[in-house]
Amino acid sequence: MSQTARGVGDESLASETAAKAAAARDALGERDGVLVAFSGGVDSAVVAALAADALGDDAVACTARSETLPAAELDDARRVAEEIGIAHETVTFSELDDPNFVANDGDRCYHCRTMRLGRMYETARELGIDTVCDGTNADDPGEGHRPGLRAVEELDVFSPLLDAGITKDEVRAIAESYGLSVADKPSMACLSSRIPTGLEVTEERLTRVEKAERVLREWGFSGFRVRDHDGLARVEIAPEELERALDPAFADAVHEHLTDLGFEYVTLDMAGYRTGSVSPGGEEEGDASAEAESAGDGLDIGRQYPR
């Protein structure tokens, strides 16, 4: 590790992590400018913070808007970019224009990432920027079936966290040292990950999943997924929150709300929330961990859920 590595964030980091972060920042600083593929999650937020430190106004964060991105995540990305103090662009495209993506085979994330990063490169060229970078970290290549990483390699995207050997835990520590609000944010995956492999991705399915998950979020759950099995909603709740979902009041309310959204049947998966339960290899692209904080203190029999 370079002996010239400088402190990063509030200088509270362990020396090895600080040196890695400084190396990533210095590598970004060697570019004339960078566009960060920015979801607003902790990985891309740390890259954006390092890039803003290294390059100032020559660093730009860019978020891709499509049917697979929940509206709440786009709002969060805008907020986090402002928090970092980095310029923020958005681009719009539709994965549903690609029949390979719609078919939802084992390479769905490859097709999605190829389209998404392609739009990033188009925007970068319009801004006079040569480098597109992403938030791939050192843990990602070992996290099972991750076809999206193939697109990153093929398009020659710069991954400063990966190059510096920064792990997911270190990413969170760096985010905390910068005071980023997303330091403890659970990893997220696009809405298409809720649709089982082999079942076509449609706007109807994406929309009802987004609306169903919004209901659970408004009710105070933090670790969950609603899987769309062709009209059957399989609700997964994080193990530490599962007890709350056994409340009969919750069962009645979630059935009513989700059938109103177009689901024919609503089930609760007793195994709880786990990533990639409908995907090859048991992984969701961009969601390599199942972290979630409990939003309650246990069973709340008789709790009132809005109808």
Foldseek 3Di string as FASTA:
>chain_A
DDPPQDAAFQNPDDPLLRSLLSQLLVVLLVFQAEEEAFQLALLSLSNQLSNCVRHPQRYEYEYEDELQRQPVSVVNRVVSCVVSPYHYYYHYDYLVVDVVLQQQAQLNLCSVLLVSVVVVCVVCVVVVGDAYAYRDACCPVVLWRANNVVSCVVVVHHHSRNVSRNDLLSSLVSCVSNVGPNSPQAWDFTQVLLEAGRHGDDSLSSVLQSVLVVLVVVVQAWFWGFHCDPQETEIAGAPVAVQQCPAVQNVVVSQVVSVVSPRPHYHYDPVHDAANPRHPGRHGHRHRDRDTDHRDDGYDHPDHRDD
